PDB file of N, CA and C in Angstrom:
ATOM      1  N   MET A   1      18.149 -13.079  -5.014  1.00  0.00           N
ATOM      2  CA  MET A   1      18.017 -12.326  -3.783  1.00  0.00           C
ATOM      3  C   MET A   1      16.546 -11.947  -3.599  1.00  0.00           C
ATOM      4  N   GLU A   2      16.056 -12.151  -2.405  1.00  0.00           N
ATOM      5  CA  GLU A   2      14.667 -11.864  -2.087  1.00  0.00           C
ATOM      6  C   GLU A   2      14.502 -10.374  -1.779  1.00  0.00           C
ATOM      7  N   LYS A   3      13.443  -9.792  -2.323  1.00  0.00           N
ATOM      8  CA  LYS A   3      13.179  -8.388  -2.041  1.00  0.00           C
ATOM      9  C   LYS A   3      12.125  -8.289  -0.953  1.00  0.00           C
ATOM     10  N   HIS A   4      12.295  -7.325  -0.095  1.00  0.00           N
ATOM     11  CA  HIS A   4      11.396  -7.091   1.025  1.00  0.00           C
ATOM     12  C   HIS A   4      10.696  -5.760   0.782  1.00  0.00           C
ATOM     13  N   LEU A   5       9.369  -5.787   0.811  1.00  0.00           N
ATOM     14  CA  LEU A   5       8.583  -4.613   0.475  1.00  0.00           C
ATOM     15  C   LEU A   5       7.849  -4.068   1.689  1.00  0.00           C
ATOM     16  N   ILE A   6       7.874  -2.750   1.809  1.00  0.00           N
ATOM     17  CA  ILE A   6       7.048  -2.035   2.772  1.00  0.00           C
ATOM     18  C   ILE A   6       6.030  -1.277   1.946  1.00  0.00           C
ATOM     19  N   TYR A   7       4.769  -1.365   2.323  1.00  0.00           N
ATOM     20  CA  TYR A   7       3.723  -0.732   1.535  1.00  0.00           C
ATOM     21  C   TYR A   7       2.749   0.007   2.435  1.00  0.00           C
ATOM     22  N   ILE A   8       2.049   0.952   1.838  1.00  0.00           N
ATOM     23  CA  ILE A   8       0.907   1.584   2.476  1.00  0.00           C
ATOM     24  C   ILE A   8      -0.277   1.311   1.561  1.00  0.00           C
ATOM     25  N   ILE A   9      -1.313   0.741   2.124  1.00  0.00           N
ATOM     26  CA  ILE A   9      -2.507   0.379   1.366  1.00  0.00           C
ATOM     27  C   ILE A   9      -3.696   1.136   1.939  1.00  0.00           C
ATOM     28  N   THR A  10      -4.635   1.490   1.070  1.00  0.00           N
ATOM     29  CA  THR A  10      -5.796   2.245   1.498  1.00  0.00           C
ATOM     30  C   THR A  10      -7.039   1.735   0.787  1.00  0.00           C
ATOM     31  N   ASP A  11      -8.183   2.224   1.219  1.00  0.00           N
ATOM     32  CA  ASP A  11      -9.433   1.891   0.541  1.00  0.00           C
ATOM     33  C   ASP A  11      -9.716   2.956  -0.510  1.00  0.00           C
ATOM     34  N   SER A  12     -10.822   2.818  -1.225  1.00  0.00           N
ATOM     35  CA  SER A  12     -11.123   3.747  -2.317  1.00  0.00           C
ATOM     36  C   SER A  12     -11.420   5.152  -1.821  1.00  0.00           C
ATOM     37  N   ASN A  13     -11.844   5.309  -0.573  1.00  0.00           N
ATOM     38  CA  ASN A  13     -12.141   6.627  -0.012  1.00  0.00           C
ATOM     39  C   ASN A  13     -10.960   7.248   0.727  1.00  0.00           C
ATOM     40  N   ARG A  14      -9.869   6.538   0.791  1.00  0.00           N
ATOM     41  CA  ARG A  14      -8.664   6.970   1.512  1.00  0.00           C
ATOM     42  C   ARG A  14      -8.936   7.199   3.002  1.00  0.00           C
ATOM     43  N   ALA A  15      -9.879   6.484   3.543  1.00  0.00           N
ATOM     44  CA  ALA A  15     -10.219   6.650   4.947  1.00  0.00           C
ATOM     45  C   ALA A  15      -9.235   5.923   5.862  1.00  0.00           C
ATOM     46  N   TYR A  16      -8.684   4.822   5.383  1.00  0.00           N
ATOM     47  CA  TYR A  16      -7.755   4.018   6.174  1.00  0.00           C
ATOM     48  C   TYR A  16      -6.412   3.946   5.471  1.00  0.00           C
ATOM     49  N   LEU A  17      -5.348   4.051   6.250  1.00  0.00           N
ATOM     50  CA  LEU A  17      -3.990   3.890   5.734  1.00  0.00           C
ATOM     51  C   LEU A  17      -3.311   2.816   6.573  1.00  0.00           C
ATOM     52  N   GLU A  18      -3.035   1.691   5.970  1.00  0.00           N
ATOM     53  CA  GLU A  18      -2.401   0.579   6.669  1.00  0.00           C
ATOM     54  C   GLU A  18      -0.980   0.388   6.147  1.00  0.00           C
ATOM     55  N   VAL A  19      -0.034   0.248   7.064  1.00  0.00           N
ATOM     56  CA  VAL A  19       1.358  -0.017   6.716  1.00  0.00           C
ATOM     57  C   VAL A  19       1.596  -1.508   6.879  1.00  0.00           C
ATOM     58  N   GLY A  20       2.293  -2.110   5.921  1.00  0.00           N
ATOM     59  CA  GLY A  20       2.552  -3.535   6.002  1.00  0.00           C
ATOM     60  C   GLY A  20       3.865  -3.929   5.372  1.00  0.00           C
ATOM     61  N   TYR A  21       4.203  -5.199   5.556  1.00  0.00           N
ATOM     62  CA  TYR A  21       5.444  -5.778   5.050  1.00  0.00           C
ATOM     63  C   TYR A  21       5.094  -7.052   4.291  1.00  0.00           C
ATOM     64  N   CYS A  22       5.807  -7.304   3.196  1.00  0.00           N
ATOM     65  CA  CYS A  22       5.640  -8.559   2.469  1.00  0.00           C
ATOM     66  C   CYS A  22       6.851  -8.798   1.570  1.00  0.00           C
ATOM     67  N   THR A  23       6.920  -9.996   1.029  1.00  0.00           N
ATOM     68  CA  THR A  23       7.940 -10.309   0.035  1.00  0.00           C
ATOM     69  C   THR A  23       7.311 -10.547  -1.335  1.00  0.00           C
ATOM     70  N   ASP A  24       6.003 -10.797  -1.360  1.00  0.00           N
ATOM     71  CA  ASP A  24       5.276 -10.999  -2.613  1.00  0.00           C
ATOM     72  C   ASP A  24       3.982 -10.194  -2.551  1.00  0.00           C
ATOM     73  N   MET A  25       3.904  -9.114  -3.321  1.00  0.00           N
ATOM     74  CA  MET A  25       2.766  -8.211  -3.254  1.00  0.00           C
ATOM     75  C   MET A  25       1.489  -8.857  -3.766  1.00  0.00           C
ATOM     76  N   ASN A  26       1.568  -9.658  -4.804  1.00  0.00           N
ATOM     77  CA  ASN A  26       0.370 -10.331  -5.324  1.00  0.00           C
ATOM     78  C   ASN A  26      -0.255 -11.243  -4.275  1.00  0.00           C
ATOM     79  N   LEU A  27       0.564 -12.024  -3.614  1.00  0.00           N
ATOM     80  CA  LEU A  27       0.088 -12.928  -2.586  1.00  0.00           C
ATOM     81  C   LEU A  27      -0.506 -12.148  -1.414  1.00  0.00           C
ATOM     82  N   ARG A  28       0.160 -11.088  -1.025  1.00  0.00           N
ATOM     83  CA  ARG A  28      -0.308 -10.292   0.106  1.00  0.00           C
ATOM     84  C   ARG A  28      -1.657  -9.641  -0.189  1.00  0.00           C
ATOM     85  N   LEU A  29      -1.844  -9.125  -1.397  1.00  0.00           N
ATOM     86  CA  LEU A  29      -3.126  -8.518  -1.752  1.00  0.00           C
ATOM     87  C   LEU A  29      -4.255  -9.545  -1.747  1.00  0.00           C
ATOM     88  N   SER A  30      -3.975 -10.733  -2.224  1.00  0.00           N
ATOM     89  CA  SER A  30      -5.013 -11.764  -2.195  1.00  0.00           C
ATOM     90  C   SER A  30      -5.341 -12.160  -0.755  1.00  0.00           C
ATOM     91  N   GLU A  31      -4.343 -12.193   0.125  1.00  0.00           N
ATOM     92  CA  GLU A  31      -4.584 -12.483   1.541  1.00  0.00           C
ATOM     93  C   GLU A  31      -5.440 -11.399   2.179  1.00  0.00           C
ATOM     94  N   ILE A  32      -5.162 -10.142   1.863  1.00  0.00           N
ATOM     95  CA  ILE A  32      -5.906  -9.027   2.443  1.00  0.00           C
ATOM     96  C   ILE A  32      -7.362  -9.068   2.001  1.00  0.00           C
ATOM     97  N   THR A  33      -7.604  -9.273   0.730  1.00  0.00           N
ATOM     98  CA  THR A  33      -8.980  -9.293   0.242  1.00  0.00           C
ATOM     99  C   THR A  33      -9.744 -10.505   0.767  1.00  0.00           C
ATOM    100  N   THR A  34      -9.083 -11.635   0.875  1.00  0.00           N
ATOM    101  CA  THR A  34      -9.740 -12.829   1.409  1.00  0.00           C
ATOM    102  C   THR A  34     -10.062 -12.658   2.883  1.00  0.00           C
ATOM    103  N   ALA A  35      -9.125 -12.149   3.654  1.00  0.00           N
ATOM    104  CA  ALA A  35      -9.328 -11.985   5.094  1.00  0.00           C
ATOM    105  C   ALA A  35     -10.397 -10.943   5.384  1.00  0.00           C
ATOM    106  N   SER A  36     -10.390  -9.839   4.657  1.00  0.00           N
ATOM    107  CA  SER A  36     -11.361  -8.794   4.947  1.00  0.00           C
ATOM    108  C   SER A  36     -12.775  -9.225   4.582  1.00  0.00           C
ATOM    109  N   SER A  37     -12.932 -10.019   3.538  1.00  0.00           N
ATOM    110  CA  SER A  37     -14.273 -10.463   3.165  1.00  0.00           C
ATOM    111  C   SER A  37     -14.755 -11.607   4.056  1.00  0.00           C
ATOM    112  N   ALA A  38     -13.849 -12.452   4.506  1.00  0.00           N
ATOM    113  CA  ALA A  38     -14.238 -13.613   5.309  1.00  0.00           C
ATOM    114  C   ALA A  38     -14.530 -13.252   6.768  1.00  0.00           C
ATOM    115  N   PHE A  39     -13.686 -12.418   7.352  1.00  0.00           N
ATOM    116  CA  PHE A  39     -13.815 -12.128   8.778  1.00  0.00           C
ATOM    117  C   PHE A  39     -14.596 -10.862   9.085  1.00  0.00           C
ATOM    118  N   PHE A  40     -14.456  -9.884   8.247  1.00  0.00           N
ATOM    119  CA  PHE A  40     -15.055  -8.591   8.524  1.00  0.00           C
ATOM    120  C   PHE A  40     -15.933  -8.187   7.348  1.00  0.00           C
ATOM    121  N   GLY A  41     -17.181  -8.531   7.397  1.00  0.00           N
ATOM    122  CA  GLY A  41     -18.078  -8.262   6.289  1.00  0.00           C
ATOM    123  C   GLY A  41     -18.256  -6.791   5.980  1.00  0.00           C
ATOM    124  N   ARG A  42     -18.213  -5.961   6.998  1.00  0.00           N
ATOM    125  CA  ARG A  42     -18.424  -4.531   6.794  1.00  0.00           C
ATOM    126  C   ARG A  42     -17.137  -3.725   6.866  1.00  0.00           C
ATOM    127  N   SER A  43     -16.014  -4.385   6.850  1.00  0.00           N
ATOM    128  CA  SER A  43     -14.734  -3.688   6.937  1.00  0.00           C
ATOM    129  C   SER A  43     -14.404  -3.012   5.608  1.00  0.00           C
ATOM    130  N   PRO A  44     -13.518  -2.022   5.645  1.00  0.00           N
ATOM    131  CA  PRO A  44     -13.152  -1.348   4.398  1.00  0.00           C
ATOM    132  C   PRO A  44     -12.402  -2.288   3.462  1.00  0.00           C
ATOM    133  N   LYS A  45     -12.593  -2.099   2.190  1.00  0.00           N
ATOM    134  CA  LYS A  45     -11.908  -2.926   1.199  1.00  0.00           C
ATOM    135  C   LYS A  45     -10.570  -2.276   0.863  1.00  0.00           C
ATOM    136  N   LEU A  46      -9.528  -2.750   1.519  1.00  0.00           N
ATOM    137  CA  LEU A  46      -8.193  -2.215   1.280  1.00  0.00           C
ATOM    138  C   LEU A  46      -7.652  -2.828   0.000  1.00  0.00           C
ATOM    139  N   SER A  47      -7.509  -2.017  -1.031  1.00  0.00           N
ATOM    140  CA  SER A  47      -7.095  -2.573  -2.313  1.00  0.00           C
ATOM    141  C   SER A  47      -6.134  -1.674  -3.087  1.00  0.00           C
ATOM    142  N   ASN A  48      -5.945  -0.443  -2.665  1.00  0.00           N
ATOM    143  CA  ASN A  48      -5.090   0.486  -3.396  1.00  0.00           C
ATOM    144  C   ASN A  48      -3.737   0.624  -2.709  1.00  0.00           C
ATOM    145  N   VAL A  49      -2.709   0.110  -3.352  1.00  0.00           N
ATOM    146  CA  VAL A  49      -1.347   0.252  -2.844  1.00  0.00           C
ATOM    147  C   VAL A  49      -0.840   1.616  -3.327  1.00  0.00           C
ATOM    148  N   VAL A  50      -0.679   2.551  -2.392  1.00  0.00           N
ATOM    149  CA  VAL A  50      -0.327   3.918  -2.779  1.00  0.00           C
ATOM    150  C   VAL A  50       1.126   4.265  -2.471  1.00  0.00           C
ATOM    151  N   TYR A  51       1.832   3.391  -1.772  1.00  0.00           N
ATOM    152  CA  TYR A  51       3.239   3.652  -1.436  1.00  0.00           C
ATOM    153  C   TYR A  51       3.975   2.328  -1.346  1.00  0.00           C
ATOM    154  N   LEU A  52       5.155   2.271  -1.952  1.00  0.00           N
ATOM    155  CA  LEU A  52       5.996   1.077  -1.910  1.00  0.00           C
ATOM    156  C   LEU A  52       7.451   1.461  -1.687  1.00  0.00           C
ATOM    157  N   GLU A  53       8.133   0.695  -0.860  1.00  0.00           N
ATOM    158  CA  GLU A  53       9.581   0.806  -0.684  1.00  0.00           C
ATOM    159  C   GLU A  53      10.145  -0.601  -0.741  1.00  0.00           C
ATOM    160  N   GLU A  54      11.272  -0.749  -1.404  1.00  0.00           N
ATOM    161  CA  GLU A  54      11.913  -2.061  -1.537  1.00  0.00           C
ATOM    162  C   GLU A  54      13.231  -2.069  -0.782  1.00  0.00           C
ATOM    163  N   PHE A  55      13.481  -3.149  -0.048  1.00  0.00           N
ATOM    164  CA  PHE A  55      14.708  -3.306   0.728  1.00  0.00           C
ATOM    165  C   PHE A  55      15.344  -4.648   0.393  1.00  0.00           C
ATOM    166  N   SER A  56      16.656  -4.711   0.563  1.00  0.00           N
ATOM    167  CA  SER A  56      17.359  -5.963   0.290  1.00  0.00           C
ATOM    168  C   SER A  56      17.462  -6.845   1.532  1.00  0.00           C
ATOM    169  N   SER A  57      17.298  -6.263   2.718  1.00  0.00           N
ATOM    170  CA  SER A  57      17.377  -7.077   3.932  1.00  0.00           C
ATOM    171  C   SER A  57      16.102  -6.931   4.754  1.00  0.00           C
ATOM    172  N   LYS A  58      15.753  -7.997   5.429  1.00  0.00           N
ATOM    173  CA  LYS A  58      14.541  -8.017   6.241  1.00  0.00           C
ATOM    174  C   LYS A  58      14.661  -7.068   7.431  1.00  0.00           C
ATOM    175  N   GLU A  59      15.868  -6.915   7.977  1.00  0.00           N
ATOM    176  CA  GLU A  59      16.071  -6.061   9.140  1.00  0.00           C
ATOM    177  C   GLU A  59      15.792  -4.588   8.804  1.00  0.00           C
ATOM    178  N   HIS A  60      16.287  -4.140   7.643  1.00  0.00           N
ATOM    179  CA  HIS A  60      16.038  -2.758   7.238  1.00  0.00           C
ATOM    180  C   HIS A  60      14.552  -2.530   6.972  1.00  0.00           C
ATOM    181  N   ALA A  61      13.921  -3.514   6.360  1.00  0.00           N
ATOM    182  CA  ALA A  61      12.491  -3.400   6.072  1.00  0.00           C
ATOM    183  C   ALA A  61      11.678  -3.354   7.364  1.00  0.00           C
ATOM    184  N   ALA A  62      12.031  -4.184   8.323  1.00  0.00           N
ATOM    185  CA  ALA A  62      11.307  -4.197   9.599  1.00  0.00           C
ATOM    186  C   ALA A  62      11.484  -2.884  10.350  1.00  0.00           C
ATOM    187  N   ALA A  63      12.688  -2.330  10.302  1.00  0.00           N
ATOM    188  CA  ALA A  63      12.930  -1.046  10.958  1.00  0.00           C
ATOM    189  C   ALA A  63      12.115   0.066  10.301  1.00  0.00           C
ATOM    190  N   ARG A  64      12.049   0.061   8.980  1.00  0.00           N
ATOM    191  CA  ARG A  64      11.274   1.076   8.261  1.00  0.00           C
ATOM    192  C   ARG A  64       9.778   0.907   8.513  1.00  0.00           C
ATOM    193  N   GLN A  65       9.317  -0.321   8.579  1.00  0.00           N
ATOM    194  CA  GLN A  65       7.909  -0.566   8.867  1.00  0.00           C
ATOM    195  C   GLN A  65       7.552  -0.024  10.247  1.00  0.00           C
ATOM    196  N   GLN A  66       8.388  -0.287  11.219  1.00  0.00           N
ATOM    197  CA  GLN A  66       8.159   0.212  12.574  1.00  0.00           C
ATOM    198  C   GLN A  66       8.120   1.735  12.584  1.00  0.00           C
ATOM    199  N   GLN A  67       9.025   2.354  11.827  1.00  0.00           N
ATOM    200  CA  GLN A  67       9.076   3.807  11.746  1.00  0.00           C
ATOM    201  C   GLN A  67       7.787   4.365  11.134  1.00  0.00           C
ATOM    202  N   LEU A  68       7.327   3.764  10.032  1.00  0.00           N
ATOM    203  CA  LEU A  68       6.118   4.245   9.363  1.00  0.00           C
ATOM    204  C   LEU A  68       4.868   4.017  10.206  1.00  0.00           C
ATOM    205  N   GLN A  69       4.843   2.966  10.982  1.00  0.00           N
ATOM    206  CA  GLN A  69       3.695   2.703  11.839  1.00  0.00           C
ATOM    207  C   GLN A  69       3.575   3.729  12.959  1.00  0.00           C
ATOM    208  N   CYS A  70       4.682   4.348  13.318  1.00  0.00           N
ATOM    209  CA  CYS A  70       4.661   5.382  14.350  1.00  0.00           C
ATOM    210  C   CYS A  70       4.309   6.764  13.785  1.00  0.00           C
ATOM    211  N   PHE A  71       4.292   6.887  12.476  1.00  0.00           N
ATOM    212  CA  PHE A  71       3.946   8.158  11.836  1.00  0.00           C
ATOM    213  C   PHE A  71       2.480   8.484  12.096  1.00  0.00           C
ATOM    214  N   THR A  72       2.191   9.771  12.150  1.00  0.00           N
ATOM    215  CA  THR A  72       0.810  10.213  12.211  1.00  0.00           C
ATOM    216  C   THR A  72       0.202  10.107  10.811  1.00  0.00           C
ATOM    217  N   ARG A  73      -1.089  10.270  10.723  1.00  0.00           N
ATOM    218  CA  ARG A  73      -1.746  10.209   9.412  1.00  0.00           C
ATOM    219  C   ARG A  73      -1.214  11.300   8.493  1.00  0.00           C
ATOM    220  N   MET A  74      -1.004  12.487   9.019  1.00  0.00           N
ATOM    221  CA  MET A  74      -0.501  13.593   8.201  1.00  0.00           C
ATOM    222  C   MET A  74       0.884  13.278   7.653  1.00  0.00           C
ATOM    223  N   GLN A  75       1.737  12.662   8.459  1.00  0.00           N
ATOM    224  CA  GLN A  75       3.074  12.299   8.002  1.00  0.00           C
ATOM    225  C   GLN A  75       3.005  11.229   6.913  1.00  0.00           C
ATOM    226  N   ARG A  76       2.107  10.270   7.062  1.00  0.00           N
ATOM    227  CA  ARG A  76       1.950   9.232   6.036  1.00  0.00           C
ATOM    228  C   ARG A  76       1.438   9.839   4.733  1.00  0.00           C
ATOM    229  N   GLU A  77       0.459  10.742   4.833  1.00  0.00           N
ATOM    230  CA  GLU A  77      -0.072  11.381   3.628  1.00  0.00           C
ATOM    231  C   GLU A  77       1.002  12.197   2.917  1.00  0.00           C
ATOM    232  N   LYS A  78       1.822  12.894   3.666  1.00  0.00           N
ATOM    233  CA  LYS A  78       2.906  13.679   3.066  1.00  0.00           C
ATOM    234  C   LYS A  78       3.901  12.763   2.349  1.00  0.00           C
ATOM    235  N   LEU A  79       4.225  11.649   2.965  1.00  0.00           N
ATOM    236  CA  LEU A  79       5.138  10.678   2.365  1.00  0.00           C
ATOM    237  C   LEU A  79       4.557  10.110   1.065  1.00  0.00           C
ATOM    238  N   ILE A  80       3.275   9.791   1.077  1.00  0.00           N
ATOM    239  CA  ILE A  80       2.619   9.267  -0.119  1.00  0.00           C
ATOM    240  C   ILE A  80       2.640  10.311  -1.227  1.00  0.00           C
ATOM    241  N   ARG A  81       2.316  11.556  -0.882  1.00  0.00           N
ATOM    242  CA  ARG A  81       2.240  12.611  -1.904  1.00  0.00           C
ATOM    243  C   ARG A  81       3.600  12.940  -2.516  1.00  0.00           C
ATOM    244  N   LEU A  82       4.677  12.681  -1.791  1.00  0.00           N
ATOM    245  CA  LEU A  82       6.009  12.918  -2.354  1.00  0.00           C
ATOM    246  C   LEU A  82       6.293  11.989  -3.530  1.00  0.00           C
ATOM    247  N   LYS A  83       5.903  10.724  -3.412  1.00  0.00           N
ATOM    248  CA  LYS A  83       6.189   9.742  -4.462  1.00  0.00           C
ATOM    249  C   LYS A  83       5.000   9.478  -5.372  1.00  0.00           C
ATOM    250  N   ASN A  84       3.800   9.715  -4.892  1.00  0.00           N
ATOM    251  CA  ASN A  84       2.592   9.390  -5.640  1.00  0.00           C
ATOM    252  C   ASN A  84       1.549  10.491  -5.406  1.00  0.00           C
ATOM    253  N   PRO A  85       1.747  11.663  -6.005  1.00  0.00           N
ATOM    254  CA  PRO A  85       0.885  12.808  -5.687  1.00  0.00           C
ATOM    255  C   PRO A  85      -0.590  12.606  -6.017  1.00  0.00           C
ATOM    256  N   ASN A  86      -0.920  11.730  -6.953  1.00  0.00           N
ATOM    257  CA  ASN A  86      -2.317  11.509  -7.324  1.00  0.00           C
ATOM    258  C   ASN A  86      -2.921  10.273  -6.663  1.00  0.00           C
ATOM    259  N   TRP A  87      -2.188   9.652  -5.764  1.00  0.00           N
ATOM    260  CA  TRP A  87      -2.645   8.488  -5.018  1.00  0.00           C
ATOM    261  C   TRP A  87      -3.101   7.370  -5.967  1.00  0.00           C
ATOM    262  N   LEU A  88      -2.343   7.143  -7.013  1.00  0.00           N
ATOM    263  CA  LEU A  88      -2.665   6.086  -7.964  1.00  0.00           C
ATOM    264  C   LEU A  88      -2.358   4.725  -7.343  1.00  0.00           C
ATOM    265  N   ASN A  89      -3.049   3.702  -7.796  1.00  0.00           N
ATOM    266  CA  ASN A  89      -2.810   2.347  -7.318  1.00  0.00           C
ATOM    267  C   ASN A  89      -1.531   1.832  -7.977  1.00  0.00           C
ATOM    268  N   LEU A  90      -0.451   1.785  -7.239  1.00  0.00           N
ATOM    269  CA  LEU A  90       0.854   1.407  -7.782  1.00  0.00           C
ATOM    270  C   LEU A  90       0.901  -0.056  -8.180  1.00  0.00           C
ATOM    271  N   HIS A  91       0.156  -0.890  -7.512  1.00  0.00           N
ATOM    272  CA  HIS A  91       0.188  -2.318  -7.830  1.00  0.00           C
ATOM    273  C   HIS A  91      -0.425  -2.587  -9.196  1.00  0.00           C
ATOM    274  N   SER A  92      -1.539  -1.985  -9.509  1.00  0.00           N
ATOM    275  CA  SER A  92      -2.154  -2.229 -10.817  1.00  0.00           C
ATOM    276  C   SER A  92      -1.330  -1.594 -11.931  1.00  0.00           C
ATOM    277  N   MET A  93      -0.638  -0.510 -11.631  1.00  0.00           N
ATOM    278  CA  MET A  93       0.208   0.118 -12.640  1.00  0.00           C
ATOM    279  C   MET A  93       1.410  -0.749 -12.961  1.00  0.00           C
ATOM    280  N   SER A  94       1.995  -1.374 -11.952  1.00  0.00           N
ATOM    281  CA  SER A  94       3.176  -2.198 -12.185  1.00  0.00           C
ATOM    282  C   SER A  94       2.831  -3.496 -12.909  1.00  0.00           C
ATOM    283  N   ASN A  95       1.614  -3.986 -12.720  1.00  0.00           N
ATOM    284  CA  ASN A  95       1.208  -5.229 -13.375  1.00  0.00           C
ATOM    285  C   ASN A  95       0.409  -4.999 -14.645  1.00  0.00           C
ATOM    286  N   ASN A  96       0.115  -3.742 -14.969  1.00  0.00           N
ATOM    287  CA  ASN A  96      -0.690  -3.396 -16.143  1.00  0.00           C
ATOM    288  C   ASN A  96      -2.015  -4.146 -16.162  1.00  0.00           C
ATOM    289  N   ILE A  97      -2.642  -4.253 -14.997  1.00  0.00           N
ATOM    290  CA  ILE A  97      -3.920  -4.949 -14.899  1.00  0.00           C
ATOM    291  C   ILE A  97      -5.021  -4.124 -15.564  1.00  0.00           C
ATOM    292  N   THR A  98      -5.031  -2.845 -15.284  1.00  0.00           N
ATOM    293  CA  THR A  98      -6.070  -1.993 -15.843  1.00  0.00           C
ATOM    294  C   THR A  98      -5.428  -0.884 -16.647  1.00  0.00           C
ATOM    295  N   ASN A  99      -6.111  -0.459 -17.665  1.00  0.00           N
ATOM    296  CA  ASN A  99      -5.654   0.658 -18.482  1.00  0.00           C
ATOM    297  C   ASN A  99      -6.676   1.775 -18.379  1.00  0.00           C
ATOM    298  N   LYS A 100      -6.729   2.399 -17.226  1.00  0.00           N
ATOM    299  CA  LYS A 100      -7.697   3.464 -16.980  1.00  0.00           C
ATOM    300  C   LYS A 100      -7.080   4.797 -17.341  1.00  0.00           C
ATOM    301  N   LYS A 101      -7.925   5.700 -17.785  1.00  0.00           N
ATOM    302  CA  LYS A 101      -7.476   7.060 -18.001  1.00  0.00           C
ATOM    303  C   LYS A 101      -7.469   7.767 -16.658  1.00  0.00           C
ATOM    304  N   VAL A 102      -6.454   8.577 -16.442  1.00  0.00           N
ATOM    305  CA  VAL A 102      -6.324   9.287 -15.188  1.00  0.00           C
ATOM    306  C   VAL A 102      -6.572  10.756 -15.434  1.00  0.00           C
ATOM    307  N   VAL A 103      -7.473  11.327 -14.654  1.00  0.00           N
ATOM    308  CA  VAL A 103      -7.773  12.739 -14.756  1.00  0.00           C
ATOM    309  C   VAL A 103      -7.239  13.412 -13.511  1.00  0.00           C
ATOM    310  N   VAL A 104      -6.440  14.433 -13.700  1.00  0.00           N
ATOM    311  CA  VAL A 104      -5.852  15.148 -12.576  1.00  0.00           C
ATOM    312  C   VAL A 104      -6.454  16.533 -12.516  1.00  0.00           C
ATOM    313  N   TYR A 105      -7.043  16.854 -11.392  1.00  0.00           N
ATOM    314  CA  TYR A 105      -7.622  18.185 -11.187  1.00  0.00           C
ATOM    315  C   TYR A 105      -6.662  18.979 -10.324  1.00  0.00           C
ATOM    316  N   ALA A 106      -6.255  20.116 -10.825  1.00  0.00           N
ATOM    317  CA  ALA A 106      -5.297  20.931 -10.068  1.00  0.00           C
ATOM    318  C   ALA A 106      -5.966  22.162  -9.528  1.00  0.00           C
TER     319      ALA A 106
END
């Protein structure tokens, strides 16, 4: 069964929050980095996946994507903080690409 993912991706400064849909996160991240470097030289480097939702059907995923795209920035930030309060890169954590120490300031 194919999984359908809804994600929110941001740059290192958290200036941009983009909502997207994919079935393969690795492929999608490589597409994003290739497109942003090729077409937009000065565009933000979207590389931190800070929110993920998995769906079993494409229709549910598309409906959720549409809903999240209509959210304001404050609503998106609140949603991210509920599941990922430190805004960690969920993609690198799931793939164990990097083993960085995380410092949390409260």
